Protein backbone atom coordinates (compact mmCIF):
# COMPACT_ATOMS: atom_id res chain seq x y z
CA MET A 1 142.31 115.43 286.69
CA ASN A 2 145.50 116.13 284.18
CA ARG A 3 145.11 117.36 280.92
CA LEU A 4 145.44 114.06 279.36
CA GLN A 5 142.95 112.73 281.39
CA GLN A 6 140.97 115.87 280.30
CA GLU A 7 141.09 115.16 276.78
CA LEU A 8 140.21 112.02 277.03
CA GLN A 9 136.74 112.69 278.74
CA ARG A 10 136.70 115.27 276.18
CA LEU A 11 136.80 113.31 273.32
CA TYR A 12 135.59 109.96 274.15
CA GLY A 13 133.49 110.49 277.55
CA PRO A 14 129.99 110.06 278.15
CA GLN A 15 129.38 113.36 278.97
CA ALA A 16 131.93 115.76 276.99
CA ASP A 17 132.14 117.89 280.61
CA ALA A 18 135.86 117.93 281.09
CA ARG A 19 134.71 119.05 284.67
CA LEU A 20 133.10 115.95 285.88
CA GLY A 21 136.66 114.43 287.47
CA LEU A 22 136.24 111.47 285.96
CA ASP A 23 139.10 108.87 284.73
CA LEU A 24 137.68 106.67 281.67
CA ASP A 25 137.97 103.09 282.26
CA ALA A 26 136.67 100.61 279.55
CA ARG A 27 133.13 100.52 281.35
CA GLY A 28 133.14 103.97 281.82
CA MET A 29 132.84 105.17 278.17
CA VAL A 30 129.21 103.46 277.87
CA ASP A 31 126.78 105.26 279.60
CA VAL A 32 123.68 104.28 281.78
CA GLN A 33 121.44 104.90 279.04
CA GLY A 34 123.38 102.24 276.61
CA ARG A 35 125.14 105.07 274.41
CA VAL A 36 128.92 106.35 273.89
CA ARG A 37 131.27 108.80 271.81
CA ALA A 38 133.89 106.96 271.52
CA MET A 39 133.81 104.63 268.18
CA VAL A 40 136.69 102.76 267.42
CA LEU A 41 138.10 100.57 264.46
CA GLU A 42 140.86 98.42 264.70
CA LEU A 43 143.17 96.74 262.26
CA ALA A 44 145.51 94.42 263.09
CA ARG A 45 146.97 90.44 262.75
CA PRO A 46 149.23 92.51 261.47
CA ALA A 47 149.52 96.12 261.54
CA ASP A 48 148.79 98.05 258.75
CA TRP A 49 149.02 101.61 258.04
CA VAL A 50 148.85 101.56 254.36
CA ALA A 51 145.23 100.15 254.59
CA LEU A 52 143.49 101.76 257.93
CA SER A 53 144.78 105.51 256.77
CA THR A 54 142.29 105.03 253.44
CA VAL A 55 139.82 105.22 255.99
CA TRP A 56 141.47 108.23 257.89
CA GLY A 57 141.39 110.00 254.27
CA GLY A 58 138.38 109.19 253.24
CA VAL A 59 136.27 110.01 256.09
CA GLN A 60 137.60 113.54 255.78
CA ALA A 61 137.34 113.86 251.92
CA ASP A 62 134.51 111.95 251.53
CA MET A 63 132.55 112.82 254.36
CA THR A 64 134.37 115.87 255.62
CA LEU A 65 134.19 114.55 259.08
CA PRO A 66 137.14 115.53 261.52
CA ALA A 67 140.13 113.53 262.05
CA PRO A 68 139.76 110.52 264.36
CA ALA A 69 142.94 110.28 266.50
CA ILE A 70 145.66 107.70 265.27
CA ALA A 71 146.51 104.79 268.08
CA VAL A 72 148.56 101.69 268.15
CA ASN A 73 147.15 99.07 270.11
CA GLY A 74 150.50 97.93 272.18
CA ARG A 75 149.79 94.53 270.31
CA ASP A 76 149.48 93.39 266.74
CA GLY A 77 147.81 96.56 264.93
CA TYR A 78 146.42 100.66 264.82
CA GLN A 79 143.45 101.69 265.94
CA LEU A 80 141.21 105.04 264.50
CA TRP A 81 139.29 106.40 267.12
CA PHE A 82 136.56 108.69 266.50
CA SER A 83 134.49 111.33 268.93
CA LEU A 84 130.98 112.16 268.54
CA LEU A 85 129.91 115.69 270.15
CA GLU A 86 126.44 113.54 271.50
CA PRO A 87 126.40 109.84 272.76
CA VAL A 88 124.42 107.99 270.61
CA PRO A 89 123.27 104.23 271.13
CA VAL A 90 125.34 101.16 270.71
CA PRO A 91 123.84 99.56 267.68
CA LYS A 92 124.31 102.56 265.68
CA ALA A 93 127.63 103.29 266.46
CA ALA A 94 128.29 99.69 265.63
CA ALA A 95 126.51 100.26 262.25
CA PHE A 96 128.49 103.47 261.41
CA LEU A 97 131.81 101.68 261.83
CA ASP A 98 131.45 98.53 260.01
CA ALA A 99 129.68 100.68 257.06
CA LEU A 100 133.58 102.32 257.10
CA ARG A 101 134.67 98.62 257.02
CA ARG A 102 132.62 98.00 254.43
CA ARG A 103 133.81 100.80 252.26
CA TYR A 104 136.96 100.98 252.98
CA LEU A 105 138.68 97.83 254.09
CA GLY A 106 136.29 95.41 252.06
CA ASP A 107 139.34 93.70 250.88
CA ILE A 108 140.59 92.87 254.38
CA VAL A 109 139.73 89.28 255.87
CA PRO A 110 136.84 90.68 258.31
CA VAL A 111 138.39 88.83 261.27
CA ARG A 112 141.49 91.39 261.40
CA VAL A 113 139.00 94.06 261.29
CA GLY A 114 137.44 95.14 265.09
CA MET A 115 135.02 97.49 265.92
CA LEU A 116 134.22 98.47 269.02
CA PRO A 117 131.59 99.10 271.55
CA ALA A 118 130.44 95.69 270.13
CA LEU A 119 127.05 94.31 271.07
CA ASP A 120 126.74 90.38 271.85
CA ALA A 121 125.78 88.19 269.25
CA ALA A 122 122.65 86.53 271.15
CA SER A 123 121.50 89.96 272.58
CA THR A 124 121.56 93.47 272.33
CA ARG A 125 123.82 94.00 275.48
CA PRO A 126 126.42 96.66 275.04
CA LEU A 127 129.98 94.70 275.60
CA VAL A 128 132.58 96.61 277.99
CA HIS A 129 133.86 99.33 275.47
CA ILE A 130 137.47 99.72 274.60
CA ARG A 131 139.85 99.90 276.90
CA PRO A 132 141.08 103.26 277.00
CA VAL A 133 144.94 104.88 275.48
CA PRO A 134 147.27 104.85 276.53
CA ALA A 135 147.38 101.56 278.76
CA LEU A 136 150.01 99.87 279.71
CA GLN A 137 149.90 96.08 278.29
CA ALA A 138 150.47 93.82 281.50
CA ASP A 139 151.47 90.42 279.14
CA SER A 140 153.93 91.79 277.44
CA GLY A 141 155.33 95.34 279.33
CA VAL A 142 154.42 97.25 275.95
CA TRP A 143 152.28 100.52 275.42
CA SER A 144 149.07 101.45 273.45
CA ALA A 145 149.85 104.86 272.74
CA PHE A 146 148.42 107.74 270.28
CA VAL A 147 150.58 108.89 267.52
CA ALA A 148 151.34 111.27 265.30
CA THR A 149 149.89 110.95 261.32
CA ASP A 150 153.36 111.41 259.95
CA LEU A 151 154.77 109.06 262.39
CA ALA A 152 152.26 106.84 262.02
CA PRO A 153 154.02 104.45 259.42
CA MET A 154 156.90 103.92 261.46
CA PHE A 155 155.09 101.42 263.64
CA ALA A 156 154.20 98.70 261.23
CA ASP A 157 156.40 95.93 262.66
CA GLU A 158 156.18 96.94 266.12
CA PRO A 159 152.47 98.88 267.28
CA TRP A 160 153.31 99.62 270.45
CA LEU A 161 155.95 102.10 272.74
CA ASP A 162 158.67 100.20 274.98
CA MET A 163 158.26 102.99 277.41
CA PRO A 164 154.96 104.65 278.91
CA PRO A 165 153.68 107.64 276.33
CA ASN A 166 154.49 111.14 278.12
CA PRO A 167 150.98 112.33 279.33
CA ASP A 168 151.97 115.94 277.87
CA GLY A 169 152.65 114.42 274.34
CA GLN A 170 149.62 112.67 274.46
CA ALA A 171 147.21 115.46 275.11
CA GLN A 172 149.43 117.65 272.49
CA LEU A 173 148.08 115.28 270.16
CA LEU A 174 144.98 114.91 271.06
CA ALA A 175 143.54 118.84 271.59
CA PRO A 176 143.30 119.66 267.65
CA LEU A 177 141.27 116.78 267.08
CA LYS A 178 137.42 117.67 267.10
CA SER A 179 133.74 115.60 267.69
CA ILE A 180 131.63 114.91 264.79
CA PRO A 181 128.52 117.30 265.09
CA PRO A 182 125.00 115.62 265.79
CA ALA A 183 124.03 116.82 261.93
CA GLU A 184 127.10 115.54 260.56
CA PHE A 185 127.09 111.89 261.66
CA GLU A 186 123.53 111.80 260.47
CA LEU A 187 124.51 112.47 256.96
CA ALA A 188 127.64 110.30 257.13
CA LEU A 189 125.18 107.49 257.90
CA GLN A 190 122.72 108.36 254.43
CA GLN A 191 126.12 108.27 252.74
CA LEU A 192 127.42 105.18 254.07
CA ALA A 193 123.77 103.68 253.84
CA PRO A 194 124.09 101.74 250.93
CA THR A 195 126.75 99.60 252.82
CA THR A 196 124.53 99.63 255.78
CA GLU A 197 121.44 98.50 254.32
CA LEU A 198 121.32 95.01 255.46
CA ALA A 199 124.12 95.16 258.17
CA ALA A 200 123.82 93.65 261.52
CA PRO A 201 125.31 96.71 263.80
CA GLY A 202 124.97 93.95 266.48
CA LEU A 203 126.85 91.17 265.29
CA VAL A 204 130.31 92.82 264.73
CA SER A 205 133.94 91.06 263.82
CA ASN A 206 135.12 91.10 267.45
CA ALA A 207 132.18 90.27 269.06
CA PRO A 208 132.59 86.70 270.73
CA ALA A 209 132.26 83.31 269.30
CA LEU A 210 129.50 83.73 266.83
CA THR A 211 126.95 80.42 266.84
CA ALA A 212 126.37 78.56 264.14
CA ALA A 213 122.49 79.51 264.41
CA SER A 214 123.37 83.45 264.76
CA LEU A 215 125.24 82.30 261.08
CA ASP A 216 122.30 81.55 259.56
CA PRO A 217 121.05 84.06 256.85
CA LYS A 218 117.36 83.62 257.97
CA ARG A 219 118.01 83.76 261.82
CA PHE A 220 119.98 86.83 261.04
CA LEU A 221 117.35 88.25 258.81
CA VAL A 222 114.56 87.36 261.62
CA ASP A 223 117.13 89.21 264.86
CA VAL A 224 117.48 92.36 262.90
CA MET A 225 113.49 92.61 262.26
CA ASN A 226 112.65 91.90 265.35
CA ASN A 227 115.47 94.53 266.62
CA ASP A 228 113.58 97.24 268.20
CA SER A 229 116.26 98.93 268.95
CA LEU A 230 117.80 99.39 265.46
CA ASP A 231 116.46 102.04 262.93
CA LEU A 232 113.32 101.33 261.50
CA ALA A 233 114.54 101.20 257.79
CA LEU A 234 116.89 98.67 258.46
CA ARG A 235 114.32 96.43 259.94
CA ILE A 236 111.60 96.69 256.82
CA GLU A 237 114.59 96.01 254.75
CA ALA A 238 115.20 92.64 256.68
CA ALA A 239 111.42 91.90 256.33
CA LYS A 240 111.66 92.53 252.79
CA ALA A 241 114.61 90.18 252.47
CA LEU A 242 112.55 87.52 254.49
CA LEU A 243 109.61 87.74 252.39
CA PRO A 244 110.78 84.43 249.49
CA TYR A 245 111.50 82.36 253.13
CA PHE A 246 108.07 83.46 253.88
CA HIS A 247 105.90 82.45 250.74
CA ALA A 248 107.83 79.83 250.35
CA GLY A 249 106.83 78.10 253.70
CA VAL A 250 103.49 79.18 253.21
CA ALA A 251 103.77 76.95 249.35
CA HIS A 252 105.41 74.03 251.30
CA ARG A 253 103.00 73.38 253.80
CA GLN A 254 99.84 74.40 251.31
CA GLU A 255 101.60 71.29 248.91
CA LEU A 256 101.88 69.30 252.05
CA ASP A 257 98.24 69.58 252.86
CA GLY A 258 97.47 68.73 249.41
CA ASP A 259 99.32 65.92 249.73
CA ARG A 260 97.57 65.00 252.73
CA LEU A 261 93.86 65.10 250.90
CA SER A 262 94.43 63.60 247.69
């Protein structure tokens, strides 16, 4: 295992132990219990570091979290790579990313914002995680790569590297980064609570094509309420929001019964 692989394992592997000797791939970043340590927020089509830098700076200034890694995706955008010291279930990671999107990128068209890991819109089954950086883009021959903060703005027009990045240089960019401790992550979720109150962590913008049923507000709330992998507070809020639907249905049935008896 080279130095870059060690840093990737330390920050984003299912376990932080770099001695495991694992070469991470997209599937390997989700453990057998459906938990992750890597959370990726992407802004693309087009790349916009000015907008995404508000997230990079905001999590440090507003929530005192460690700085995430910055990457260009090798196609059309920038990424922020957040590292957790302890793995969390995919829905919890997705809720955090969606809350960041709502707080800092609320004026961006949602289709431009990618959030991984993601959940299938029709179930709680984790999708394959994002491909680790750096990576060759087979269709174009260019590379994704981690980039330094002061150099990030230079990639706005071409968010890629024409040549494979130096592994030692990539490792050097990752070496100073720290993982978010569990207590700090929970505190950040509490600070973001107003934006996550009725968010559906599983239905993120880069999930597979959503069906008409999944876009129905009532069906959406029912799915959240019945999803026992979500925090109880979220399910309770979904149940509260469903009360008007329930009462309306009861009143309608009583009206129909009255018409039949008259």
